[in-house]
Amino acid sequence: MKDVRDREPPGWPATISPDKVCYFVFRARQFDVKDAVTDEGSASNPSDDEMIDVLEDRFDDPVQEELRSAIWALSEDEQIDLVTLVWLGRGDGSAEDWLEIRDLAVEVHNHRTANYLLGTPLLADYLEEALSMFGESCEIAARDHL
């Protein structure tokens, strides 16, 4: 009898490609490192303050807007898959539970998917964990991304 740890991971079940998921991992990491705004009235020259404002979580954050636009550009099935992957990655089930968890994501899907995902702490970590459940990784994409 084979040890459970020796089993091959199930094949990729999602409509969204692993490459697209990796895109969200990279961008979510950029978004997650933002810090609270320290000086609301900052009107200094960015070169004088060493570009510190780019690390602050502002309302008009270009990374957040890029992520939001990319989520809206996904098909409904891809959005549902992304939510399902987040739920799997945070420990709501295993790869074998994909269909059951995806069915739940279908039931609760609405027009607020981008807000939901962007409001999820550890979004990138959850997506990476879910990728690994299916034997996928962003490692190669990360090297290409650099």
N, C-alpha and C. Protein backbone atom coordinates (compact mmCIF):
# COMPACT_ATOMS: atom_id res chain seq x y z
N MET A 1 0.84 -1.18 0.00
CA MET A 1 0.00 0.00 0.00
C MET A 1 0.89 1.25 0.00
N LYS A 2 0.54 2.22 -0.84
CA LYS A 2 1.32 3.45 -0.95
C LYS A 2 0.96 4.40 0.19
N ASP A 3 1.97 5.08 0.65
CA ASP A 3 1.76 6.12 1.65
C ASP A 3 0.99 7.26 0.98
N VAL A 4 0.10 7.89 1.72
CA VAL A 4 -0.69 9.01 1.20
C VAL A 4 0.22 10.10 0.65
N ARG A 5 1.36 10.31 1.29
CA ARG A 5 2.28 11.35 0.84
C ARG A 5 2.94 11.02 -0.48
N ASP A 6 2.90 9.76 -0.91
CA ASP A 6 3.51 9.34 -2.16
C ASP A 6 2.57 9.48 -3.36
N ARG A 7 1.34 9.85 -3.09
CA ARG A 7 0.37 9.96 -4.19
C ARG A 7 0.71 11.14 -5.09
N GLU A 8 0.43 10.94 -6.35
CA GLU A 8 0.58 12.03 -7.30
C GLU A 8 -0.56 13.03 -7.06
N PRO A 9 -0.27 14.33 -7.17
CA PRO A 9 -1.35 15.29 -7.01
C PRO A 9 -2.32 15.18 -8.18
N PRO A 10 -3.59 15.48 -7.92
CA PRO A 10 -4.57 15.43 -9.02
C PRO A 10 -4.20 16.45 -10.10
N GLY A 11 -4.66 16.21 -11.31
CA GLY A 11 -4.40 17.14 -12.40
C GLY A 11 -5.08 18.48 -12.18
N TRP A 12 -4.64 19.47 -12.91
CA TRP A 12 -5.17 20.84 -12.78
C TRP A 12 -6.64 20.84 -13.20
N PRO A 13 -7.56 21.16 -12.28
CA PRO A 13 -8.99 21.08 -12.58
C PRO A 13 -9.61 22.39 -13.02
N ALA A 14 -8.89 23.47 -12.90
CA ALA A 14 -9.48 24.80 -13.04
C ALA A 14 -9.53 25.29 -14.48
N THR A 15 -10.46 26.20 -14.72
CA THR A 15 -10.56 26.90 -16.00
C THR A 15 -9.43 27.91 -16.12
N ILE A 16 -9.11 28.57 -15.01
CA ILE A 16 -8.03 29.55 -15.01
C ILE A 16 -6.69 28.82 -15.08
N SER A 17 -5.78 29.34 -15.86
CA SER A 17 -4.48 28.66 -16.03
C SER A 17 -3.58 28.93 -14.82
N PRO A 18 -2.66 28.01 -14.55
CA PRO A 18 -1.69 28.25 -13.47
C PRO A 18 -0.89 29.54 -13.70
N ASP A 19 -0.60 29.88 -14.96
CA ASP A 19 0.13 31.11 -15.25
C ASP A 19 -0.64 32.35 -14.80
N LYS A 20 -1.95 32.34 -15.03
CA LYS A 20 -2.77 33.47 -14.57
C LYS A 20 -2.79 33.54 -13.05
N VAL A 21 -2.87 32.39 -12.42
CA VAL A 21 -2.86 32.36 -10.95
C VAL A 21 -1.54 32.93 -10.45
N CYS A 22 -0.44 32.58 -11.10
CA CYS A 22 0.87 33.11 -10.71
C CYS A 22 0.93 34.62 -10.89
N TYR A 23 0.30 35.14 -11.92
CA TYR A 23 0.22 36.59 -12.10
C TYR A 23 -0.41 37.22 -10.86
N PHE A 24 -1.51 36.63 -10.39
CA PHE A 24 -2.18 37.16 -9.20
C PHE A 24 -1.32 37.00 -7.96
N VAL A 25 -0.55 35.93 -7.89
CA VAL A 25 0.36 35.74 -6.76
C VAL A 25 1.39 36.87 -6.72
N PHE A 26 2.02 37.16 -7.86
CA PHE A 26 3.05 38.20 -7.91
C PHE A 26 2.47 39.57 -7.57
N ARG A 27 1.33 39.90 -8.16
CA ARG A 27 0.73 41.21 -7.92
C ARG A 27 0.21 41.32 -6.48
N ALA A 28 -0.37 40.26 -5.96
CA ALA A 28 -0.88 40.28 -4.58
C ALA A 28 0.27 40.48 -3.60
N ARG A 29 1.43 39.92 -3.91
CA ARG A 29 2.60 40.14 -3.04
C ARG A 29 2.98 41.62 -3.02
N GLN A 30 2.92 42.27 -4.16
CA GLN A 30 3.21 43.70 -4.22
C GLN A 30 2.18 44.49 -3.41
N PHE A 31 0.95 44.07 -3.49
CA PHE A 31 -0.13 44.75 -2.78
C PHE A 31 -0.04 44.50 -1.28
N ASP A 32 0.31 43.29 -0.87
CA ASP A 32 0.35 42.92 0.54
C ASP A 32 1.44 43.64 1.32
N VAL A 33 2.49 44.08 0.67
CA VAL A 33 3.59 44.72 1.39
C VAL A 33 3.33 46.20 1.67
N LYS A 34 2.20 46.70 1.23
CA LYS A 34 1.88 48.10 1.47
C LYS A 34 1.71 48.35 2.96
N ASP A 35 2.07 49.55 3.37
CA ASP A 35 2.00 49.93 4.78
C ASP A 35 0.92 51.00 4.94
N ALA A 36 0.52 51.23 6.17
CA ALA A 36 -0.48 52.27 6.44
C ALA A 36 0.08 53.63 6.06
N VAL A 37 -0.82 54.51 5.64
CA VAL A 37 -0.42 55.87 5.27
C VAL A 37 0.05 56.59 6.53
N THR A 38 1.23 57.19 6.46
CA THR A 38 1.79 57.86 7.64
C THR A 38 1.62 59.37 7.59
N ASP A 39 1.51 59.93 6.39
CA ASP A 39 1.39 61.37 6.27
C ASP A 39 0.38 61.69 5.18
N GLU A 40 -0.88 61.86 5.60
CA GLU A 40 -1.96 62.12 4.64
C GLU A 40 -1.69 63.35 3.78
N GLY A 41 -1.12 64.37 4.36
CA GLY A 41 -0.94 65.63 3.64
C GLY A 41 0.40 65.74 2.94
N SER A 42 1.04 64.64 2.74
CA SER A 42 2.35 64.67 2.13
C SER A 42 2.27 65.27 0.73
N ALA A 43 2.94 66.38 0.58
CA ALA A 43 2.97 67.03 -0.74
C ALA A 43 4.41 67.24 -1.17
N SER A 44 5.28 66.48 -0.55
CA SER A 44 6.69 66.65 -0.87
C SER A 44 7.02 66.02 -2.21
N ASN A 45 8.17 66.35 -2.67
CA ASN A 45 8.67 65.79 -3.92
C ASN A 45 9.08 64.34 -3.65
N PRO A 46 8.59 63.38 -4.45
CA PRO A 46 8.93 61.97 -4.22
C PRO A 46 10.44 61.70 -4.16
N SER A 47 11.22 62.44 -4.92
CA SER A 47 12.67 62.21 -4.88
C SER A 47 13.27 62.70 -3.56
N ASP A 48 12.62 63.69 -2.92
CA ASP A 48 13.11 64.18 -1.64
C ASP A 48 12.82 63.22 -0.50
N ASP A 49 11.69 62.55 -0.56
CA ASP A 49 11.33 61.64 0.55
C ASP A 49 11.64 60.19 0.20
N GLU A 50 12.53 60.00 -0.76
CA GLU A 50 13.02 58.67 -1.15
C GLU A 50 11.89 57.73 -1.58
N MET A 51 10.87 58.27 -2.20
CA MET A 51 9.76 57.49 -2.77
C MET A 51 9.02 56.65 -1.71
N ILE A 52 9.04 57.08 -0.46
CA ILE A 52 8.42 56.32 0.62
C ILE A 52 6.92 56.16 0.40
N ASP A 53 6.28 57.12 -0.26
CA ASP A 53 4.83 57.06 -0.49
C ASP A 53 4.42 55.86 -1.33
N VAL A 54 5.29 55.35 -2.19
CA VAL A 54 4.90 54.22 -3.03
C VAL A 54 4.69 52.95 -2.22
N LEU A 55 5.19 52.92 -0.99
CA LEU A 55 5.03 51.76 -0.13
C LEU A 55 3.81 51.87 0.77
N GLU A 56 3.08 52.98 0.66
CA GLU A 56 1.91 53.19 1.50
C GLU A 56 0.64 52.79 0.77
N ASP A 57 -0.30 52.27 1.52
CA ASP A 57 -1.57 51.78 0.99
C ASP A 57 -2.53 52.95 0.79
N ARG A 58 -2.51 53.52 -0.37
CA ARG A 58 -3.36 54.67 -0.67
C ARG A 58 -4.58 54.25 -1.49
N PHE A 59 -5.61 55.10 -1.44
CA PHE A 59 -6.87 54.82 -2.13
C PHE A 59 -6.66 54.57 -3.62
N ASP A 60 -5.78 55.32 -4.24
CA ASP A 60 -5.57 55.22 -5.69
C ASP A 60 -4.34 54.37 -6.03
N ASP A 61 -4.07 53.36 -5.25
CA ASP A 61 -2.91 52.49 -5.43
C ASP A 61 -2.96 51.82 -6.81
N PRO A 62 -1.95 52.03 -7.66
CA PRO A 62 -1.98 51.45 -9.00
C PRO A 62 -1.92 49.92 -9.00
N VAL A 63 -1.25 49.31 -8.01
CA VAL A 63 -1.20 47.85 -7.95
C VAL A 63 -2.59 47.30 -7.64
N GLN A 64 -3.28 47.95 -6.70
CA GLN A 64 -4.65 47.52 -6.37
C GLN A 64 -5.56 47.67 -7.59
N GLU A 65 -5.44 48.76 -8.29
CA GLU A 65 -6.28 48.97 -9.47
C GLU A 65 -5.96 47.96 -10.57
N GLU A 66 -4.69 47.63 -10.73
CA GLU A 66 -4.30 46.63 -11.71
C GLU A 66 -4.89 45.26 -11.35
N LEU A 67 -4.81 44.90 -10.08
CA LEU A 67 -5.39 43.63 -9.63
C LEU A 67 -6.90 43.62 -9.84
N ARG A 68 -7.54 44.69 -9.43
CA ARG A 68 -9.00 44.78 -9.57
C ARG A 68 -9.41 44.64 -11.04
N SER A 69 -8.73 45.34 -11.92
CA SER A 69 -9.04 45.27 -13.36
C SER A 69 -8.79 43.87 -13.91
N ALA A 70 -7.71 43.24 -13.47
CA ALA A 70 -7.40 41.89 -13.94
C ALA A 70 -8.45 40.89 -13.48
N ILE A 71 -8.95 41.05 -12.27
CA ILE A 71 -10.00 40.15 -11.77
C ILE A 71 -11.28 40.37 -12.55
N TRP A 72 -11.64 41.62 -12.80
CA TRP A 72 -12.85 41.91 -13.58
C TRP A 72 -12.73 41.38 -15.01
N ALA A 73 -11.52 41.34 -15.53
CA ALA A 73 -11.32 40.87 -16.91
C ALA A 73 -11.43 39.35 -17.04
N LEU A 74 -11.37 38.64 -15.93
CA LEU A 74 -11.51 37.19 -15.97
C LEU A 74 -12.93 36.80 -16.33
N SER A 75 -13.08 35.63 -16.92
CA SER A 75 -14.43 35.10 -17.14
C SER A 75 -15.03 34.75 -15.78
N GLU A 76 -16.33 34.56 -15.75
CA GLU A 76 -16.99 34.19 -14.50
C GLU A 76 -16.43 32.88 -13.96
N ASP A 77 -16.19 31.91 -14.83
CA ASP A 77 -15.62 30.63 -14.39
C ASP A 77 -14.23 30.82 -13.79
N GLU A 78 -13.41 31.68 -14.40
CA GLU A 78 -12.08 31.92 -13.86
C GLU A 78 -12.14 32.62 -12.50
N GLN A 79 -13.08 33.55 -12.35
CA GLN A 79 -13.25 34.22 -11.05
C GLN A 79 -13.64 33.20 -9.98
N ILE A 80 -14.56 32.32 -10.32
CA ILE A 80 -15.00 31.28 -9.39
C ILE A 80 -13.84 30.36 -9.04
N ASP A 81 -13.04 29.99 -10.04
CA ASP A 81 -11.87 29.15 -9.79
C ASP A 81 -10.88 29.84 -8.86
N LEU A 82 -10.68 31.13 -9.04
CA LEU A 82 -9.74 31.87 -8.20
C LEU A 82 -10.21 31.86 -6.74
N VAL A 83 -11.49 32.08 -6.52
CA VAL A 83 -12.05 32.02 -5.17
C VAL A 83 -11.90 30.61 -4.60
N THR A 84 -12.18 29.61 -5.42
CA THR A 84 -12.04 28.21 -4.97
C THR A 84 -10.61 27.92 -4.57
N LEU A 85 -9.65 28.39 -5.35
CA LEU A 85 -8.24 28.18 -5.02
C LEU A 85 -7.87 28.86 -3.70
N VAL A 86 -8.39 30.06 -3.47
CA VAL A 86 -8.12 30.75 -2.20
C VAL A 86 -8.66 29.92 -1.04
N TRP A 87 -9.87 29.42 -1.19
CA TRP A 87 -10.47 28.62 -0.11
C TRP A 87 -9.68 27.34 0.15
N LEU A 88 -9.24 26.70 -0.93
CA LEU A 88 -8.42 25.49 -0.75
C LEU A 88 -7.10 25.84 -0.07
N GLY A 89 -6.49 26.93 -0.52
CA GLY A 89 -5.20 27.33 0.03
C GLY A 89 -5.25 27.73 1.49
N ARG A 90 -6.39 28.21 1.94
CA ARG A 90 -6.50 28.59 3.36
C ARG A 90 -6.91 27.40 4.23
N GLY A 91 -7.08 26.24 3.60
CA GLY A 91 -7.32 25.03 4.37
C GLY A 91 -8.75 24.57 4.46
N ASP A 92 -9.61 25.06 3.58
CA ASP A 92 -11.02 24.66 3.61
C ASP A 92 -11.27 23.29 3.01
N GLY A 93 -10.25 22.65 2.52
CA GLY A 93 -10.38 21.32 1.93
C GLY A 93 -9.08 20.91 1.27
N SER A 94 -9.14 19.77 0.60
CA SER A 94 -7.96 19.27 -0.11
C SER A 94 -8.26 19.29 -1.61
N ALA A 95 -7.29 18.94 -2.40
CA ALA A 95 -7.47 18.93 -3.85
C ALA A 95 -8.63 18.02 -4.26
N GLU A 96 -8.83 16.95 -3.51
CA GLU A 96 -9.92 16.02 -3.82
C GLU A 96 -11.30 16.65 -3.59
N ASP A 97 -11.35 17.75 -2.83
CA ASP A 97 -12.61 18.44 -2.55
C ASP A 97 -12.93 19.53 -3.57
N TRP A 98 -12.13 19.61 -4.65
CA TRP A 98 -12.27 20.70 -5.62
C TRP A 98 -13.72 20.92 -6.05
N LEU A 99 -14.39 19.88 -6.53
CA LEU A 99 -15.74 20.05 -7.07
C LEU A 99 -16.71 20.57 -6.02
N GLU A 100 -16.64 20.02 -4.83
CA GLU A 100 -17.54 20.44 -3.75
C GLU A 100 -17.31 21.91 -3.38
N ILE A 101 -16.06 22.28 -3.23
CA ILE A 101 -15.74 23.67 -2.85
C ILE A 101 -16.06 24.62 -3.99
N ARG A 102 -15.82 24.19 -5.22
CA ARG A 102 -16.14 25.04 -6.37
C ARG A 102 -17.65 25.25 -6.48
N ASP A 103 -18.43 24.19 -6.20
CA ASP A 103 -19.90 24.34 -6.21
C ASP A 103 -20.35 25.40 -5.22
N LEU A 104 -19.72 25.44 -4.06
CA LEU A 104 -20.04 26.46 -3.06
C LEU A 104 -19.66 27.85 -3.58
N ALA A 105 -18.51 27.95 -4.24
CA ALA A 105 -18.08 29.23 -4.81
C ALA A 105 -19.04 29.69 -5.89
N VAL A 106 -19.60 28.76 -6.65
CA VAL A 106 -20.60 29.10 -7.67
C VAL A 106 -21.83 29.70 -6.99
N GLU A 107 -22.26 29.09 -5.90
CA GLU A 107 -23.46 29.55 -5.19
C GLU A 107 -23.32 30.97 -4.66
N VAL A 108 -22.13 31.32 -4.17
CA VAL A 108 -21.96 32.63 -3.54
C VAL A 108 -21.35 33.68 -4.49
N HIS A 109 -21.06 33.30 -5.72
CA HIS A 109 -20.44 34.23 -6.66
C HIS A 109 -21.33 35.45 -6.88
N ASN A 110 -20.69 36.63 -6.89
CA ASN A 110 -21.41 37.88 -7.16
C ASN A 110 -20.45 38.87 -7.81
N HIS A 111 -20.89 40.09 -7.95
CA HIS A 111 -20.08 41.11 -8.63
C HIS A 111 -19.00 41.72 -7.73
N ARG A 112 -18.87 41.24 -6.52
CA ARG A 112 -17.88 41.79 -5.59
C ARG A 112 -16.63 40.90 -5.45
N THR A 113 -16.37 40.06 -6.42
CA THR A 113 -15.24 39.13 -6.34
C THR A 113 -13.92 39.87 -6.14
N ALA A 114 -13.70 40.94 -6.87
CA ALA A 114 -12.44 41.68 -6.75
C ALA A 114 -12.27 42.23 -5.33
N ASN A 115 -13.32 42.83 -4.78
CA ASN A 115 -13.24 43.36 -3.42
C ASN A 115 -12.98 42.25 -2.41
N TYR A 116 -13.65 41.12 -2.60
CA TYR A 116 -13.47 39.99 -1.70
C TYR A 116 -12.02 39.50 -1.72
N LEU A 117 -11.49 39.30 -2.92
CA LEU A 117 -10.13 38.78 -3.03
C LEU A 117 -9.10 39.78 -2.52
N LEU A 118 -9.27 41.06 -2.86
CA LEU A 118 -8.32 42.07 -2.41
C LEU A 118 -8.39 42.30 -0.90
N GLY A 119 -9.51 41.95 -0.29
CA GLY A 119 -9.65 42.06 1.15
C GLY A 119 -9.21 40.82 1.89
N THR A 120 -8.70 39.83 1.18
CA THR A 120 -8.26 38.58 1.79
C THR A 120 -6.80 38.67 2.20
N PRO A 121 -6.54 38.70 3.51
CA PRO A 121 -5.13 38.68 3.94
C PRO A 121 -4.47 37.38 3.47
N LEU A 122 -3.22 37.45 3.13
CA LEU A 122 -2.44 36.28 2.69
C LEU A 122 -2.93 35.70 1.36
N LEU A 123 -3.54 36.52 0.54
CA LEU A 123 -4.06 36.07 -0.76
C LEU A 123 -3.01 35.30 -1.55
N ALA A 124 -1.83 35.87 -1.69
CA ALA A 124 -0.77 35.22 -2.48
C ALA A 124 -0.37 33.87 -1.87
N ASP A 125 -0.27 33.82 -0.56
CA ASP A 125 0.09 32.57 0.11
C ASP A 125 -0.96 31.49 -0.13
N TYR A 126 -2.23 31.87 -0.03
CA TYR A 126 -3.32 30.90 -0.25
C TYR A 126 -3.30 30.37 -1.68
N LEU A 127 -3.08 31.27 -2.64
CA LEU A 127 -3.05 30.83 -4.03
C LEU A 127 -1.86 29.90 -4.28
N GLU A 128 -0.71 30.23 -3.73
CA GLU A 128 0.46 29.35 -3.90
C GLU A 128 0.25 27.99 -3.25
N GLU A 129 -0.37 27.98 -2.09
CA GLU A 129 -0.64 26.72 -1.41
C GLU A 129 -1.58 25.86 -2.26
N ALA A 130 -2.61 26.48 -2.82
CA ALA A 130 -3.55 25.74 -3.67
C ALA A 130 -2.86 25.21 -4.92
N LEU A 131 -2.01 26.01 -5.53
CA LEU A 131 -1.25 25.54 -6.69
C LEU A 131 -0.46 24.29 -6.35
N SER A 132 0.18 24.30 -5.19
CA SER A 132 1.01 23.15 -4.81
C SER A 132 0.18 21.89 -4.59
N MET A 133 -1.08 22.05 -4.21
CA MET A 133 -1.96 20.89 -4.03
C MET A 133 -2.16 20.13 -5.34
N PHE A 134 -2.00 20.83 -6.44
CA PHE A 134 -2.18 20.23 -7.76
C PHE A 134 -0.85 20.04 -8.49
N GLY A 135 0.24 20.13 -7.74
CA GLY A 135 1.55 19.92 -8.34
C GLY A 135 2.03 21.07 -9.20
N GLU A 136 1.45 22.25 -9.01
CA GLU A 136 1.82 23.43 -9.79
C GLU A 136 2.64 24.36 -8.91
N SER A 137 3.38 25.27 -9.55
CA SER A 137 4.23 26.19 -8.82
C SER A 137 4.44 27.45 -9.64
N CYS A 138 4.76 28.53 -8.97
CA CYS A 138 5.11 29.78 -9.65
C CYS A 138 6.62 29.96 -9.76
N GLU A 139 7.37 28.93 -9.43
CA GLU A 139 8.82 29.03 -9.39
C GLU A 139 9.41 29.43 -10.75
N ILE A 140 9.02 28.76 -11.80
CA ILE A 140 9.56 29.07 -13.13
C ILE A 140 9.07 30.44 -13.58
N ALA A 141 7.81 30.72 -13.34
CA ALA A 141 7.26 32.02 -13.71
C ALA A 141 7.97 33.13 -12.93
N ALA A 142 8.35 32.86 -11.69
CA ALA A 142 9.05 33.86 -10.88
C ALA A 142 10.41 34.18 -11.49
N ARG A 143 11.10 33.16 -11.96
CA ARG A 143 12.40 33.40 -12.60
C ARG A 143 12.23 34.21 -13.87
N ASP A 144 11.19 33.90 -14.64
CA ASP A 144 10.92 34.63 -15.87
C ASP A 144 10.48 36.06 -15.57
N HIS A 145 9.80 36.23 -14.43
CA HIS A 145 9.25 37.52 -14.03
C HIS A 145 10.35 38.50 -13.63
N LEU A 146 11.43 37.96 -13.09
CA LEU A 146 12.53 38.82 -12.63
C LEU A 146 13.28 39.29 -13.81
